[in-house]
Protein backbone atom coordinates (compact mmCIF):
# COMPACT_ATOMS: atom_id res chain seq x y z
CA MET A 1 -16.19 -0.38 -1.48
CA MET A 2 -19.94 -0.74 -1.10
CA GLU A 3 -22.29 -0.44 -4.04
CA ALA A 4 -24.27 2.79 -3.94
CA PRO A 5 -27.70 2.12 -2.36
CA GLY A 6 -30.68 2.01 -4.68
CA LEU A 7 -28.52 1.66 -7.80
CA ARG A 8 -29.91 -0.71 -10.45
CA GLN A 9 -27.52 -1.39 -13.28
CA PRO A 10 -27.82 -3.59 -16.37
CA ARG A 11 -25.92 -6.86 -16.10
CA ILE A 12 -22.47 -6.38 -17.61
CA SER A 13 -20.43 -9.28 -18.99
CA ARG A 14 -17.37 -10.11 -16.91
CA GLN A 15 -14.35 -8.25 -18.21
CA SER A 16 -11.36 -6.44 -16.76
CA LEU A 17 -8.96 -3.75 -17.83
CA THR A 18 -5.30 -4.50 -18.09
CA PHE A 19 -3.71 -3.63 -14.76
CA CYS A 20 -1.50 -0.62 -15.47
CA VAL A 21 0.54 1.00 -12.74
CA TRP A 22 0.33 4.73 -13.40
CA GLY A 23 3.98 5.62 -13.77
CA ALA A 24 6.81 3.27 -14.70
CA HIS A 25 9.19 3.29 -11.76
CA ASN A 26 12.95 3.72 -12.00
CA MET A 27 15.63 3.24 -9.38
CA LYS A 28 17.88 6.20 -8.76
CA SER A 29 20.10 6.25 -5.70
CA ARG A 30 18.12 3.31 -4.25
CA LYS A 31 14.84 5.17 -4.79
CA ILE A 32 11.74 4.01 -6.65
CA SER A 33 10.03 6.82 -8.56
CA GLY A 34 7.24 7.15 -11.18
CA SER A 35 7.46 8.43 -14.76
CA PHE A 36 4.22 10.37 -15.09
CA PHE A 37 4.13 10.91 -18.83
CA LEU A 38 5.09 7.36 -19.79
CA GLY A 39 2.63 5.95 -17.24
CA ALA A 40 -0.17 8.21 -18.45
CA ALA A 41 0.41 7.11 -22.05
CA VAL A 42 0.35 3.44 -21.06
CA PHE A 43 -2.85 3.97 -19.07
CA VAL A 44 -4.58 5.65 -22.04
CA LEU A 45 -3.53 2.86 -24.40
CA CYS A 46 -4.75 0.17 -21.98
CA ALA A 47 -8.10 1.89 -21.48
CA ALA A 48 -8.54 2.28 -25.24
CA ALA A 49 -7.73 -1.38 -25.85
CA ALA A 50 -10.22 -2.48 -23.18
CA ALA A 51 -12.96 -0.36 -24.76
CA LEU A 52 -12.69 -2.10 -28.15
CA PRO A 53 -15.61 -4.40 -29.03
CA GLY A 54 -15.00 -7.88 -27.79
CA ALA A 55 -11.92 -6.85 -25.81
CA ARG A 56 -11.27 -9.10 -22.83
CA ALA A 57 -7.96 -7.83 -21.49
CA GLN A 58 -6.68 -9.63 -18.42
CA TYR A 59 -4.26 -8.70 -15.66
CA PRO A 60 -0.72 -9.40 -16.91
CA PRO A 61 1.29 -11.94 -14.92
CA PRO A 62 3.83 -10.46 -12.47
CA ALA A 63 7.19 -9.64 -14.01
CA GLN A 64 9.35 -12.70 -13.53
CA ASP A 65 13.09 -12.49 -13.05
CA ALA A 66 15.26 -15.38 -14.16
CA SER A 67 15.77 -16.27 -10.50
CA THR A 68 12.03 -16.34 -9.75
CA PRO A 69 10.67 -19.90 -9.91
CA ALA A 70 7.90 -20.78 -12.34
CA ALA A 71 4.56 -21.90 -10.92
CA GLY A 72 4.93 -25.31 -9.29
CA ALA A 73 8.73 -25.31 -9.57
CA PRO A 74 10.80 -25.87 -6.40
CA VAL A 75 12.12 -22.66 -4.84
CA LYS A 76 15.91 -22.41 -4.78
CA THR A 77 17.31 -21.54 -1.34
CA ASP A 78 20.97 -22.56 -1.52
CA ASP A 79 21.95 -19.06 -2.71
CA LEU A 80 20.58 -17.39 0.42
CA PRO A 81 22.98 -15.95 3.02
CA MET A 82 20.88 -17.37 5.88
CA PRO A 83 17.87 -19.68 6.37
CA VAL A 84 14.52 -18.42 5.08
CA GLU A 85 13.08 -18.41 8.61
CA GLU A 86 15.87 -16.06 9.72
CA ILE A 87 15.26 -13.68 6.80
CA ILE A 88 11.56 -13.56 7.73
CA ARG A 89 12.38 -12.97 11.39
CA ARG A 90 14.80 -10.15 10.55
CA PHE A 91 12.59 -8.32 8.06
CA ALA A 92 9.63 -8.54 10.47
CA GLN A 93 11.83 -7.01 13.19
CA HIS A 94 12.90 -4.32 10.74
CA GLU A 95 9.23 -3.60 10.01
CA SER A 96 8.58 -3.25 13.76
CA ASP A 97 11.44 -0.75 13.99
CA PHE A 98 10.12 1.07 10.92
CA LYS A 99 6.62 1.34 12.37
CA ILE A 100 8.07 3.07 15.44
CA GLU A 101 10.27 5.29 13.26
CA ARG A 102 7.39 6.35 11.01
CA ASP A 103 5.56 7.59 14.10
CA ASN A 104 8.37 10.14 14.42
CA PHE A 105 7.50 11.70 11.06
CA THR A 106 4.77 13.99 9.80
CA TYR A 107 3.73 13.70 6.17
CA SER A 108 1.08 14.73 3.67
CA GLN A 109 -1.35 12.29 2.11
CA SER A 110 -3.57 12.75 -0.94
CA VAL A 111 -6.32 10.23 -1.77
CA LEU A 112 -8.20 10.04 -5.08
CA ILE A 113 -10.85 7.34 -5.58
CA GLN A 114 -12.82 7.14 -8.85
CA ASP A 115 -15.66 4.94 -10.10
CA GLY A 116 -17.45 4.19 -13.33
CA LEU A 117 -18.75 1.40 -15.54
CA PRO A 118 -16.29 -0.95 -17.27
CA GLY A 119 -15.20 0.34 -20.67
CA SER A 120 -16.29 3.91 -19.88
CA PRO A 121 -14.49 6.92 -18.39
CA PHE A 122 -14.73 7.44 -14.65
CA ASP A 123 -17.79 9.54 -13.85
CA GLY A 124 -17.41 10.09 -10.11
CA GLN A 125 -14.70 10.65 -7.56
CA TYR A 126 -13.76 11.12 -3.91
CA GLN A 127 -10.78 13.29 -3.03
CA MET A 128 -9.17 14.16 0.27
CA ASP A 129 -5.84 15.81 1.08
CA SER A 130 -4.59 15.75 4.64
CA ASP A 131 -1.57 16.22 6.87
CA ILE A 132 -0.73 13.30 9.14
CA ILE A 133 0.71 14.14 12.53
CA PHE A 134 1.09 12.24 15.77
CA THR A 135 0.46 13.29 19.35
CA PRO A 136 3.30 12.88 21.89
CA GLU A 137 1.55 9.67 22.98
CA GLY A 138 1.96 8.31 19.43
CA LYS A 139 -1.72 8.54 18.47
CA ARG A 140 -2.35 9.16 14.79
CA TYR A 141 -4.03 12.47 14.01
CA GLU A 142 -5.23 13.55 10.57
CA ASN A 143 -5.75 17.21 9.70
CA VAL A 144 -7.89 17.44 6.54
CA THR A 145 -6.75 20.30 4.27
CA PHE A 146 -8.90 19.71 1.17
CA ALA A 147 -12.06 17.65 0.80
CA PRO A 148 -14.52 18.68 -1.92
CA GLN A 149 -18.00 17.19 -2.03
CA PRO A 150 -17.70 13.53 -3.20
CA SER A 151 -19.33 12.67 -6.52
CA LEU A 152 -19.00 8.87 -6.53
CA GLN A 153 -21.81 7.40 -8.62
CA HIS A 154 -21.63 3.63 -8.12
CA VAL A 155 -19.90 2.93 -4.79
CA THR A 156 -19.78 4.37 -1.31
CA LEU A 157 -16.82 4.27 1.05
CA SER A 158 -17.22 2.02 4.09
CA PRO A 159 -15.45 2.18 7.48
CA GLU A 160 -13.36 -0.78 6.27
CA ASP A 161 -12.16 1.30 3.29
CA MET A 162 -10.97 4.07 5.58
CA LYS A 163 -9.28 1.56 7.88
CA ASP A 164 -7.52 -0.03 4.90
CA LEU A 165 -6.19 3.37 3.80
CA GLU A 166 -4.57 3.70 7.21
CA ASP A 167 -3.26 0.16 7.77
CA ILE A 168 -3.43 -2.12 4.70
CA GLN A 169 -2.35 -0.04 1.71
CA PRO A 170 0.87 1.03 3.50
CA PHE A 171 1.19 -2.58 4.74
CA VAL A 172 3.68 -3.22 7.55
CA LEU A 173 4.31 -6.84 8.61
CA THR A 174 5.75 -6.47 12.11
CA THR A 175 7.07 -9.05 14.55
CA GLU A 176 3.86 -8.60 16.53
CA ASP A 177 1.66 -9.39 13.50
CA LEU A 178 3.85 -12.12 12.02
CA PRO A 179 2.09 -15.00 13.89
CA LYS A 180 -1.16 -14.02 12.14
CA TYR A 181 0.29 -14.67 8.66
CA ASP A 182 1.52 -17.53 6.55
CA VAL A 183 4.70 -16.25 4.86
CA GLN A 184 6.17 -18.33 2.02
CA TYR A 185 9.48 -17.63 0.30
CA ASN A 186 9.04 -17.41 -3.48
CA GLY A 187 12.54 -16.77 -4.79
CA ARG A 188 14.63 -13.75 -5.67
CA GLU A 189 13.75 -10.98 -8.11
CA LYS A 190 15.16 -7.70 -9.38
CA VAL A 191 13.03 -4.61 -8.74
CA ASP A 192 14.76 -2.13 -11.00
CA GLU A 193 18.30 -2.05 -9.58
CA LEU A 194 17.35 -3.66 -6.28
CA GLY A 195 17.91 -7.28 -5.44
CA THR A 196 14.93 -8.53 -3.44
CA TYR A 197 13.51 -11.58 -1.72
CA VAL A 198 9.91 -12.33 -2.75
CA PHE A 199 7.37 -13.58 -0.22
CA LYS A 200 3.75 -14.66 -0.58
CA VAL A 201 1.72 -13.45 2.41
CA ALA A 202 -1.75 -14.56 3.53
CA PRO A 203 -3.61 -14.54 6.87
CA LYS A 204 -3.63 -17.88 8.68
CA LYS A 205 -7.06 -17.22 10.11
CA ILE A 206 -9.69 -14.54 9.57
CA GLU A 207 -10.85 -13.08 12.88
CA LYS A 208 -14.18 -11.25 12.96
CA GLY A 209 -13.79 -7.50 12.67
CA GLN A 210 -10.11 -7.69 11.65
CA ARG A 211 -8.54 -6.57 8.37
CA TYR A 212 -5.61 -8.32 6.71
CA PHE A 213 -3.29 -8.10 3.70
CA GLN A 214 -3.06 -10.92 1.19
CA GLY A 215 -0.60 -10.84 -1.69
CA THR A 216 3.14 -10.49 -2.38
CA VAL A 217 5.85 -8.41 -0.73
CA TRP A 218 9.34 -7.67 -2.03
CA VAL A 219 12.08 -7.33 0.62
CA ASP A 220 15.35 -5.53 -0.17
CA ASP A 221 18.19 -8.04 0.27
CA HIS A 222 20.44 -5.30 1.69
CA ASP A 223 18.27 -3.46 4.21
CA LEU A 224 15.76 -6.30 4.73
CA ALA A 225 13.02 -3.71 4.29
CA VAL A 226 9.75 -4.12 2.39
CA VAL A 227 10.08 -2.00 -0.77
CA LYS A 228 6.96 -3.07 -2.67
CA SER A 229 3.68 -4.85 -1.99
CA ASP A 230 1.01 -6.10 -4.39
CA GLY A 231 -2.27 -7.56 -3.15
CA LYS A 232 -5.57 -6.67 -1.54
CA ALA A 233 -7.28 -6.18 1.78
CA VAL A 234 -9.24 -9.19 3.02
CA PRO A 235 -11.79 -10.41 3.75
CA ASP A 236 -14.30 -9.20 1.18
CA LEU A 237 -17.63 -8.71 2.94
CA LYS A 238 -21.23 -9.01 1.79
CA ASP A 239 -21.80 -6.21 -0.75
CA ASN A 240 -18.46 -4.70 0.36
CA LEU A 241 -15.61 -5.49 -2.04
CA PHE A 242 -12.02 -4.30 -2.09
CA PRO A 243 -9.64 -3.71 -5.04
CA ARG A 244 -6.24 -5.15 -5.75
CA PHE A 245 -3.53 -2.50 -5.28
CA ILE A 246 0.21 -2.02 -5.51
CA THR A 247 2.30 0.10 -3.12
CA TYR A 248 5.84 1.37 -3.64
CA ARG A 249 8.21 2.61 -0.95
CA GLU A 250 11.21 4.93 -1.11
CA ASN A 251 14.38 5.05 0.94
CA ILE A 252 13.64 8.25 2.88
CA GLU A 253 16.05 8.02 5.81
CA GLY A 254 18.77 5.56 6.79
CA ASN A 255 17.72 2.03 5.95
CA PHE A 256 14.00 2.80 6.34
CA TRP A 257 11.73 2.67 3.30
CA PHE A 258 8.54 4.77 3.50
CA PRO A 259 5.38 4.23 1.41
CA THR A 260 5.09 6.98 -1.21
CA TYR A 261 2.66 5.70 -3.85
CA THR A 262 -0.33 3.34 -3.94
CA HIS A 263 -2.38 2.62 -7.04
CA ALA A 264 -5.37 0.41 -7.86
CA ASP A 265 -7.24 -0.09 -11.13
CA ASP A 266 -9.68 -2.95 -10.71
CA ILE A 267 -13.11 -4.31 -11.60
CA LEU A 268 -15.34 -5.04 -8.59
CA HIS A 269 -17.89 -7.76 -9.33
CA PHE A 270 -21.07 -6.84 -7.45
CA LYS A 271 -24.20 -8.97 -7.70
CA THR A 272 -25.97 -6.34 -9.80
CA GLY A 273 -23.06 -5.73 -12.16
CA ASP A 274 -19.40 -4.80 -12.49
CA ILE A 275 -17.94 -1.49 -11.31
CA HIS A 276 -14.63 -0.07 -12.51
CA MET A 277 -12.74 1.48 -9.61
CA GLY A 278 -9.50 3.45 -9.51
CA MET A 279 -7.49 4.62 -6.52
CA THR A 280 -4.30 6.67 -6.17
CA VAL A 281 -2.74 7.53 -2.83
CA ARG A 282 0.38 9.67 -2.59
CA TYR A 283 2.42 10.11 0.57
CA LYS A 284 4.96 12.95 0.57
CA ASN A 285 6.78 15.61 2.61
CA TYR A 286 8.05 13.21 5.27
CA LYS A 287 9.62 15.28 8.04
CA ARG A 288 10.87 14.22 11.44
CA PHE A 289 8.91 16.11 14.06
CA ARG A 290 10.34 14.85 17.33
CA ALA A 291 13.51 13.34 18.68
CA THR A 292 13.59 9.69 19.64
CA THR A 293 15.69 10.35 22.77
CA LYS A 294 14.03 11.08 26.11
CA LEU A 295 14.79 14.17 28.16
CA GLY A 296 15.56 14.07 31.88
CA GLU A 297 12.83 14.41 34.48
CA SER A 298 11.47 17.95 34.79
CA LYS A 299 11.69 19.78 38.14
CA THR A 300 9.83 22.80 39.57
CA LEU A 301 12.16 25.75 40.26
CA ASP A 302 11.84 27.74 43.50
CA PRO A 303 11.90 31.47 42.55
CA ASN A 304 13.17 32.37 46.05
CA ALA A 305 16.09 29.96 45.98
CA PRO A 306 19.58 31.52 45.82
CA PRO A 307 21.38 31.33 42.46
CA PRO A 308 23.72 28.36 42.05
CA ALA A 309 27.36 28.91 42.95
CA LYS A 310 29.68 29.57 40.05
């Protein structure tokens, strides 16, 4: 996000709202889903607490399962069914297969980005609903169905923001991209009813013009599929900052888990002051639109040729 040009704001003391994922998620039939009313109540309470005089709420630490090591503690690996390197290799291969599979699906995407000053309600927003389809060649095509005039007051969307919406928020760590990242095993953890392997992910090297994910991914210990990611797009650029977000996936078909919900609620610390930014992206209506098998070679029929013998 880039600060709106020409904006001059009073210096605001550094503070942050408690990070609240809008919608507590529950596992039902190996599916992560959100509880709207509970999440909305938690969000309101967090916002009210942050607005109190002197409030300095901080991001809560990640939920820690008994099997997740404390900071600085050695990571236990003797309970793993295979070496860590093999788990990484297999889940990266699964992500490569998933990336191909997702190209066989159409889906709808709704994006809502809001901005405001810390401790105050959001006073501007950007909204866009679209249908995502793919050409036979596999090229991504986006058909915008609803896009009212943006009213963002404090930030403007950059090309990097739009690229992140396409590639980073629904993060996929494929075999092809694996050499670009440092992936460190960080123990096991329950995500609702799922047993998962936890990995810290960071780019090994920042190449000019490239976007990367940095944060944590949770890999289902049954399907070896990424089911949750928590982090941010990097690098931050001059006057172009990016929020921390969390993305959940659902088991849509077979052993493939598709991104269905991304949420961010963060404070961006610009040189002229802090900006409160919120983002919610929903992905839904996944439908297979083409078969993965190839048809035989087509042939031109001669209209004057005799009919085939019975």
